[in-house]
Amino acid sequence: MGGVFIFLFIYYNYKMLAEFKMIGAGLATIALSGVGTGIGFIFNGLLDAVAKNPSMARVLFNYAILGFALTEAIALFTIMIVFLILF
């Protein structure tokens, strides 16, 4: 009879572990909202700067794309962490 209780204990702990993995993965995706906000700030700054100095549009666009790429890298790292948590 004691073996049945041990089996049930292990089974329910394994089931809880899977549920906690899902919760952790969901919480880890909160960083994606920061990435979206950061990208919005980057292009907001680009539009403001081009409106003030249109002759610098080409250089400013290159800087904006660099900032976009670096900010998007954070999103890719977040997704990588989520997959590491889940699997």
N, C-alpha and C. Protein backbone atom coordinates (compact mmCIF):
# COMPACT_ATOMS: atom_id res chain seq x y z
N MET A 1 0.82 -1.20 0.00
CA MET A 1 0.00 0.00 0.00
C MET A 1 0.87 1.26 0.00
N GLY A 2 2.00 1.18 0.66
CA GLY A 2 2.88 2.34 0.71
C GLY A 2 3.45 2.68 -0.65
N GLY A 3 3.66 1.65 -1.51
CA GLY A 3 4.18 1.89 -2.85
C GLY A 3 3.23 2.70 -3.71
N VAL A 4 1.92 2.49 -3.49
CA VAL A 4 0.91 3.24 -4.25
C VAL A 4 0.98 4.72 -3.89
N PHE A 5 1.15 5.01 -2.61
CA PHE A 5 1.24 6.41 -2.19
C PHE A 5 2.49 7.08 -2.74
N ILE A 6 3.58 6.35 -2.76
CA ILE A 6 4.82 6.91 -3.31
C ILE A 6 4.64 7.18 -4.81
N PHE A 7 4.01 6.23 -5.52
CA PHE A 7 3.76 6.44 -6.95
C PHE A 7 2.88 7.66 -7.19
N LEU A 8 1.82 7.81 -6.42
CA LEU A 8 0.94 8.96 -6.58
C LEU A 8 1.65 10.26 -6.24
N PHE A 9 2.50 10.23 -5.21
CA PHE A 9 3.26 11.42 -4.84
C PHE A 9 4.18 11.84 -5.98
N ILE A 10 4.88 10.88 -6.56
CA ILE A 10 5.80 11.19 -7.67
C ILE A 10 5.01 11.67 -8.89
N TYR A 11 3.86 11.04 -9.17
CA TYR A 11 3.06 11.42 -10.32
C TYR A 11 2.54 12.85 -10.18
N TYR A 12 2.02 13.19 -9.01
CA TYR A 12 1.48 14.53 -8.84
C TYR A 12 2.58 15.59 -8.80
N ASN A 13 3.75 15.25 -8.28
CA ASN A 13 4.87 16.20 -8.32
C ASN A 13 5.32 16.43 -9.76
N TYR A 14 5.32 15.38 -10.59
CA TYR A 14 5.69 15.53 -12.00
C TYR A 14 4.67 16.38 -12.72
N LYS A 15 3.39 16.17 -12.41
CA LYS A 15 2.34 16.96 -13.03
C LYS A 15 2.44 18.43 -12.61
N MET A 16 2.75 18.68 -11.34
CA MET A 16 2.92 20.06 -10.87
C MET A 16 4.13 20.70 -11.52
N LEU A 17 5.18 19.94 -11.75
CA LEU A 17 6.36 20.48 -12.40
C LEU A 17 6.02 20.98 -13.81
N ALA A 18 5.22 20.22 -14.54
CA ALA A 18 4.82 20.64 -15.88
C ALA A 18 3.97 21.91 -15.81
N GLU A 19 3.10 22.00 -14.82
CA GLU A 19 2.28 23.20 -14.69
C GLU A 19 3.12 24.41 -14.33
N PHE A 20 4.08 24.23 -13.46
CA PHE A 20 4.95 25.34 -13.08
C PHE A 20 5.84 25.77 -14.25
N LYS A 21 6.21 24.83 -15.10
CA LYS A 21 6.96 25.20 -16.31
C LYS A 21 6.13 26.12 -17.20
N MET A 22 4.85 25.81 -17.34
CA MET A 22 3.97 26.65 -18.16
C MET A 22 3.83 28.05 -17.55
N ILE A 23 3.70 28.12 -16.25
CA ILE A 23 3.59 29.42 -15.58
C ILE A 23 4.88 30.21 -15.76
N GLY A 24 6.02 29.56 -15.60
CA GLY A 24 7.30 30.23 -15.77
C GLY A 24 7.51 30.72 -17.19
N ALA A 25 7.10 29.92 -18.16
CA ALA A 25 7.23 30.35 -19.55
C ALA A 25 6.32 31.54 -19.84
N GLY A 26 5.14 31.54 -19.28
CA GLY A 26 4.23 32.68 -19.46
C GLY A 26 4.78 33.94 -18.83
N LEU A 27 5.38 33.80 -17.65
CA LEU A 27 5.96 34.97 -17.00
C LEU A 27 7.19 35.47 -17.74
N ALA A 28 7.93 34.56 -18.36
CA ALA A 28 9.14 34.97 -19.08
C ALA A 28 8.79 35.79 -20.32
N THR A 29 7.61 35.59 -20.88
CA THR A 29 7.24 36.34 -22.07
C THR A 29 6.85 37.78 -21.77
N ILE A 30 6.83 38.15 -20.52
CA ILE A 30 6.56 39.55 -20.16
C ILE A 30 7.63 40.47 -20.76
N ALA A 31 8.83 39.94 -20.94
CA ALA A 31 9.91 40.75 -21.53
C ALA A 31 9.58 41.19 -22.95
N LEU A 32 8.69 40.46 -23.62
CA LEU A 32 8.34 40.84 -24.99
C LEU A 32 7.58 42.15 -25.04
N SER A 33 6.86 42.48 -23.98
CA SER A 33 6.18 43.78 -23.97
C SER A 33 7.20 44.92 -23.89
N GLY A 34 8.28 44.71 -23.19
CA GLY A 34 9.35 45.71 -23.15
C GLY A 34 10.03 45.87 -24.49
N VAL A 35 10.15 44.78 -25.21
CA VAL A 35 10.76 44.86 -26.55
C VAL A 35 9.88 45.68 -27.48
N GLY A 36 8.58 45.44 -27.44
CA GLY A 36 7.66 46.22 -28.27
C GLY A 36 7.70 47.70 -27.94
N THR A 37 7.76 48.00 -26.65
CA THR A 37 7.85 49.40 -26.23
C THR A 37 9.16 50.02 -26.69
N GLY A 38 10.25 49.27 -26.58
CA GLY A 38 11.55 49.79 -27.01
C GLY A 38 11.60 50.08 -28.50
N ILE A 39 11.02 49.19 -29.29
CA ILE A 39 10.99 49.42 -30.74
C ILE A 39 10.16 50.65 -31.07
N GLY A 40 9.06 50.82 -30.34
CA GLY A 40 8.25 52.01 -30.55
C GLY A 40 9.01 53.28 -30.22
N PHE A 41 9.78 53.26 -29.14
CA PHE A 41 10.58 54.44 -28.77
C PHE A 41 11.67 54.72 -29.81
N ILE A 42 12.25 53.68 -30.36
CA ILE A 42 13.30 53.87 -31.36
C ILE A 42 12.76 54.60 -32.59
N PHE A 43 11.65 54.11 -33.10
CA PHE A 43 11.11 54.73 -34.31
C PHE A 43 10.43 56.06 -34.02
N ASN A 44 9.96 56.25 -32.80
CA ASN A 44 9.46 57.58 -32.41
C ASN A 44 10.61 58.59 -32.44
N GLY A 45 11.76 58.19 -31.90
CA GLY A 45 12.92 59.07 -31.94
C GLY A 45 13.40 59.33 -33.36
N LEU A 46 13.30 58.30 -34.21
CA LEU A 46 13.69 58.49 -35.61
C LEU A 46 12.80 59.52 -36.29
N LEU A 47 11.50 59.41 -36.10
CA LEU A 47 10.59 60.36 -36.74
C LEU A 47 10.79 61.78 -36.22
N ASP A 48 11.03 61.92 -34.91
CA ASP A 48 11.30 63.24 -34.35
C ASP A 48 12.59 63.84 -34.92
N ALA A 49 13.63 63.02 -35.00
CA ALA A 49 14.91 63.52 -35.49
C ALA A 49 14.85 63.88 -36.97
N VAL A 50 14.16 63.07 -37.76
CA VAL A 50 14.06 63.38 -39.20
C VAL A 50 13.20 64.62 -39.41
N ALA A 51 12.19 64.82 -38.57
CA ALA A 51 11.37 66.02 -38.70
C ALA A 51 12.17 67.28 -38.38
N LYS A 52 13.13 67.17 -37.46
CA LYS A 52 13.95 68.33 -37.10
C LYS A 52 15.08 68.58 -38.09
N ASN A 53 15.63 67.48 -38.64
CA ASN A 53 16.78 67.62 -39.55
C ASN A 53 16.64 66.61 -40.69
N PRO A 54 15.89 66.93 -41.72
CA PRO A 54 15.65 65.97 -42.81
C PRO A 54 16.90 65.57 -43.59
N SER A 55 17.91 66.40 -43.58
CA SER A 55 19.11 66.06 -44.36
C SER A 55 19.88 64.89 -43.73
N MET A 56 19.64 64.58 -42.48
CA MET A 56 20.32 63.48 -41.79
C MET A 56 19.50 62.19 -41.81
N ALA A 57 18.46 62.14 -42.63
CA ALA A 57 17.53 61.00 -42.60
C ALA A 57 18.22 59.67 -42.87
N ARG A 58 19.14 59.63 -43.82
CA ARG A 58 19.80 58.36 -44.18
C ARG A 58 20.63 57.83 -43.01
N VAL A 59 21.42 58.69 -42.39
CA VAL A 59 22.26 58.27 -41.26
C VAL A 59 21.40 57.86 -40.07
N LEU A 60 20.37 58.65 -39.81
CA LEU A 60 19.49 58.34 -38.68
C LEU A 60 18.74 57.03 -38.89
N PHE A 61 18.36 56.75 -40.12
CA PHE A 61 17.67 55.50 -40.41
C PHE A 61 18.59 54.31 -40.15
N ASN A 62 19.87 54.46 -40.52
CA ASN A 62 20.82 53.37 -40.25
C ASN A 62 20.96 53.13 -38.75
N TYR A 63 21.02 54.19 -37.96
CA TYR A 63 21.09 54.03 -36.51
C TYR A 63 19.81 53.41 -35.95
N ALA A 64 18.68 53.77 -36.52
CA ALA A 64 17.41 53.21 -36.06
C ALA A 64 17.34 51.72 -36.35
N ILE A 65 17.81 51.32 -37.51
CA ILE A 65 17.81 49.89 -37.85
C ILE A 65 18.75 49.12 -36.92
N LEU A 66 19.89 49.71 -36.60
CA LEU A 66 20.80 49.07 -35.65
C LEU A 66 20.12 48.91 -34.29
N GLY A 67 19.47 49.96 -33.82
CA GLY A 67 18.76 49.89 -32.55
C GLY A 67 17.63 48.88 -32.58
N PHE A 68 16.93 48.82 -33.71
CA PHE A 68 15.86 47.84 -33.87
C PHE A 68 16.42 46.42 -33.78
N ALA A 69 17.53 46.17 -34.44
CA ALA A 69 18.13 44.83 -34.44
C ALA A 69 18.58 44.42 -33.05
N LEU A 70 19.18 45.35 -32.33
CA LEU A 70 19.63 45.02 -30.98
C LEU A 70 18.46 44.79 -30.03
N THR A 71 17.40 45.57 -30.20
CA THR A 71 16.22 45.39 -29.37
C THR A 71 15.51 44.09 -29.72
N GLU A 72 15.47 43.76 -30.98
CA GLU A 72 14.83 42.51 -31.40
C GLU A 72 15.64 41.30 -30.92
N ALA A 73 16.94 41.45 -30.74
CA ALA A 73 17.76 40.36 -30.21
C ALA A 73 17.30 39.98 -28.80
N ILE A 74 16.86 40.96 -28.03
CA ILE A 74 16.35 40.66 -26.69
C ILE A 74 15.11 39.78 -26.79
N ALA A 75 14.27 40.04 -27.79
CA ALA A 75 13.08 39.20 -27.98
C ALA A 75 13.49 37.77 -28.33
N LEU A 76 14.51 37.62 -29.16
CA LEU A 76 14.96 36.28 -29.51
C LEU A 76 15.56 35.57 -28.31
N PHE A 77 16.29 36.29 -27.47
CA PHE A 77 16.82 35.68 -26.24
C PHE A 77 15.69 35.25 -25.32
N THR A 78 14.64 36.07 -25.25
CA THR A 78 13.49 35.73 -24.41
C THR A 78 12.82 34.45 -24.90
N ILE A 79 12.63 34.35 -26.20
CA ILE A 79 12.00 33.16 -26.75
C ILE A 79 12.89 31.93 -26.52
N MET A 80 14.20 32.11 -26.61
CA MET A 80 15.11 31.01 -26.33
C MET A 80 14.99 30.54 -24.88
N ILE A 81 14.90 31.48 -23.95
CA ILE A 81 14.75 31.13 -22.54
C ILE A 81 13.43 30.41 -22.29
N VAL A 82 12.36 30.87 -22.96
CA VAL A 82 11.06 30.21 -22.80
C VAL A 82 11.14 28.76 -23.28
N PHE A 83 11.78 28.54 -24.42
CA PHE A 83 11.90 27.17 -24.91
C PHE A 83 12.79 26.32 -23.99
N LEU A 84 13.81 26.93 -23.40
CA LEU A 84 14.63 26.18 -22.45
C LEU A 84 13.83 25.80 -21.21
N ILE A 85 12.94 26.68 -20.77
CA ILE A 85 12.10 26.37 -19.62
C ILE A 85 11.13 25.24 -19.95
N LEU A 86 10.53 25.31 -21.14
CA LEU A 86 9.50 24.32 -21.49
C LEU A 86 10.09 22.95 -21.81
N PHE A 87 11.22 22.92 -22.49
CA PHE A 87 11.76 21.63 -22.91
C PHE A 87 13.06 21.36 -22.24
